[in-house]
Amino acid sequence: MNAGPGCYGVHVRGGVAIGPARHGEEGYRRMELGLEVDDSRRPYTVLAVKGEVDVYTAPRLREKLVELVSQGRHQIVVDLEGVDFLDSTGLGVLVGGLKRLRSHDGDLTLVCTHQRILKVFEITGLTKVFSIYATVDQAVAD
């Protein structure tokens, strides 16, 4: 996927993201979000997320969750093991996905072992809202 002139990314200085940047600006680094769907564990659909989930990339995650629900997939496991960063926008997308699934008598469960990401769920009280597992196998066995 090529970044066009209207694409946004982040300024990176010394390996640290310091703010938004437009394609072509010095220090530009395009933000990537990998989304991979695995339907081999029916009735569960596993959505593996990789990269950073933030204000720039969260809309892609939201679109994918909406797409899966509209396809009738109502038991979704979101695998966050490949996520490096999750901000409040990403949290909002996950909460919205959970609400959407529950309105269809479904559920959204999470897989996460990264303490940095888990801390975000703990601080916000979302560990009481989401079922969070250490592995996909555990999430689909429950």
Protein backbone atom coordinates (compact mmCIF):
# COMPACT_ATOMS: atom_id res chain seq x y z
CA MET A 1 0.00 0.00 0.00
CA ASN A 2 1.58 3.28 -1.08
CA ALA A 3 1.12 6.43 0.92
CA GLY A 4 -0.24 9.19 -1.25
CA PRO A 5 0.18 12.93 -0.84
CA GLY A 6 -2.91 13.18 1.38
CA CYS A 7 -1.85 10.39 3.73
CA TYR A 8 -0.98 11.12 7.31
CA GLY A 9 1.58 9.48 9.51
CA VAL A 10 3.76 10.58 12.38
CA HIS A 11 6.98 12.54 12.71
CA VAL A 12 9.65 10.28 14.08
CA ARG A 13 12.78 11.72 15.67
CA GLY A 14 15.30 9.38 17.26
CA GLY A 15 12.85 6.49 16.97
CA VAL A 16 10.16 8.37 18.93
CA ALA A 17 6.87 9.55 17.45
CA ILE A 18 6.62 13.27 18.17
CA GLY A 19 3.49 14.34 16.31
CA PRO A 20 1.41 14.11 13.12
CA ALA A 21 3.02 14.47 9.71
CA ARG A 22 1.90 14.54 6.10
CA HIS A 23 3.40 12.27 3.47
CA GLY A 24 6.59 13.80 2.11
CA GLU A 25 7.49 15.77 5.23
CA GLU A 26 10.84 15.11 6.85
CA GLY A 27 10.57 12.46 9.54
CA TYR A 28 7.33 11.03 8.11
CA ARG A 29 6.57 7.42 9.03
CA ARG A 30 3.34 5.86 7.80
CA MET A 31 1.37 4.13 10.54
CA GLU A 32 0.37 0.55 9.82
CA LEU A 33 -2.46 -1.50 11.26
CA GLY A 34 -2.63 -5.16 10.40
CA LEU A 35 -6.00 -6.90 10.60
CA GLU A 36 -6.26 -10.63 9.94
CA VAL A 37 -9.49 -12.63 10.16
CA ASP A 38 -9.44 -16.33 11.07
CA ASP A 39 -12.71 -18.25 10.69
CA SER A 40 -11.27 -21.68 11.47
CA ARG A 41 -12.62 -21.74 15.05
CA ARG A 42 -16.37 -21.55 14.42
CA PRO A 43 -18.59 -20.23 15.91
CA TYR A 44 -15.80 -17.82 16.87
CA THR A 45 -14.15 -15.39 14.49
CA VAL A 46 -10.65 -14.36 15.53
CA LEU A 47 -9.50 -10.89 14.50
CA ALA A 48 -5.75 -10.54 14.99
CA VAL A 49 -4.68 -6.90 15.30
CA LYS A 50 -1.09 -5.82 14.75
CA GLY A 51 0.56 -2.41 15.13
CA GLU A 52 -0.72 0.75 16.74
CA VAL A 53 -4.41 1.36 17.45
CA ASP A 54 -4.82 5.11 17.76
CA VAL A 55 -6.80 8.05 16.42
CA TYR A 56 -5.35 7.49 12.94
CA THR A 57 -5.79 3.71 12.65
CA ALA A 58 -8.81 2.98 14.87
CA PRO A 59 -11.33 3.74 12.07
CA ARG A 60 -9.98 0.72 10.13
CA LEU A 61 -10.55 -1.49 13.17
CA ARG A 62 -14.07 -0.08 13.59
CA GLU A 63 -14.87 -0.75 9.92
CA LYS A 64 -13.63 -4.33 10.17
CA LEU A 65 -15.71 -5.02 13.30
CA VAL A 66 -18.83 -3.54 11.67
CA GLU A 67 -18.17 -5.63 8.56
CA LEU A 68 -17.82 -8.84 10.58
CA VAL A 69 -21.03 -8.19 12.53
CA SER A 70 -22.93 -7.40 9.32
CA GLN A 71 -21.73 -10.76 7.95
CA GLY A 72 -23.40 -12.49 10.91
CA ARG A 73 -20.27 -13.14 12.93
CA HIS A 74 -21.42 -12.48 16.48
CA GLN A 75 -18.72 -14.24 18.55
CA ILE A 76 -15.55 -12.25 17.94
CA VAL A 77 -12.21 -12.73 19.65
CA VAL A 78 -9.92 -9.73 19.18
CA ASP A 79 -6.31 -10.85 19.51
CA LEU A 80 -4.25 -7.88 20.73
CA GLU A 81 -0.96 -9.77 21.08
CA GLY A 82 0.48 -7.91 18.09
CA VAL A 83 -0.57 -4.46 19.32
CA ASP A 84 2.26 -2.10 20.30
CA PHE A 85 0.09 0.85 21.34
CA LEU A 86 -3.59 1.38 22.22
CA ASP A 87 -5.08 4.80 22.95
CA SER A 88 -8.52 5.96 24.07
CA THR A 89 -9.79 5.99 20.48
CA GLY A 90 -8.91 2.31 20.18
CA LEU A 91 -10.60 1.58 23.50
CA GLY A 92 -13.70 3.36 22.25
CA VAL A 93 -13.77 1.21 19.12
CA LEU A 94 -13.53 -1.97 21.20
CA VAL A 95 -16.31 -0.81 23.56
CA GLY A 96 -18.46 0.13 20.55
CA GLY A 97 -17.82 -3.28 19.00
CA LEU A 98 -18.81 -4.99 22.25
CA LYS A 99 -22.06 -2.99 22.40
CA ARG A 100 -22.85 -3.78 18.76
CA LEU A 101 -22.26 -7.50 19.31
CA ARG A 102 -24.28 -7.64 22.51
CA SER A 103 -27.20 -6.03 20.67
CA HIS A 104 -27.03 -9.10 18.38
CA ASP A 105 -26.80 -11.51 21.36
CA GLY A 106 -23.09 -11.89 20.67
CA ASP A 107 -19.86 -11.12 22.48
CA LEU A 108 -16.44 -9.63 21.94
CA THR A 109 -13.60 -11.11 23.96
CA LEU A 110 -9.96 -10.06 24.03
CA VAL A 111 -6.61 -11.82 24.03
CA CYS A 112 -3.81 -9.83 25.61
CA THR A 113 -0.79 -10.53 27.80
CA HIS A 114 1.18 -7.30 27.30
CA GLN A 115 1.25 -5.52 30.67
CA ARG A 116 1.43 -2.10 29.02
CA ILE A 117 -1.83 -2.74 27.13
CA LEU A 118 -3.52 -4.53 30.04
CA LYS A 119 -2.77 -1.56 32.28
CA VAL A 120 -4.91 0.64 30.01
CA PHE A 121 -7.85 -1.72 30.54
CA GLU A 122 -7.23 -1.84 34.30
CA ILE A 123 -6.96 1.95 34.71
CA THR A 124 -10.19 2.52 32.78
CA GLY A 125 -12.08 -0.23 34.60
CA LEU A 126 -12.65 -2.12 31.35
CA THR A 127 -11.32 -5.35 32.84
CA LYS A 128 -14.79 -5.55 34.41
CA VAL A 129 -16.44 -5.11 31.00
CA PHE A 130 -14.33 -7.35 28.76
CA SER A 131 -13.35 -10.97 29.18
CA ILE A 132 -9.59 -10.96 28.64
CA TYR A 133 -7.64 -14.17 28.03
CA ALA A 134 -3.96 -15.05 27.69
CA THR A 135 -4.39 -17.11 24.52
CA VAL A 136 -6.84 -17.52 21.65
CA ASP A 137 -7.27 -21.16 22.66
CA GLN A 138 -8.47 -20.09 26.11
CA ALA A 139 -10.80 -17.47 24.63
CA VAL A 140 -12.55 -19.95 22.32
CA ALA A 141 -12.71 -22.73 24.93
CA ASP A 142 -14.82 -20.72 27.36
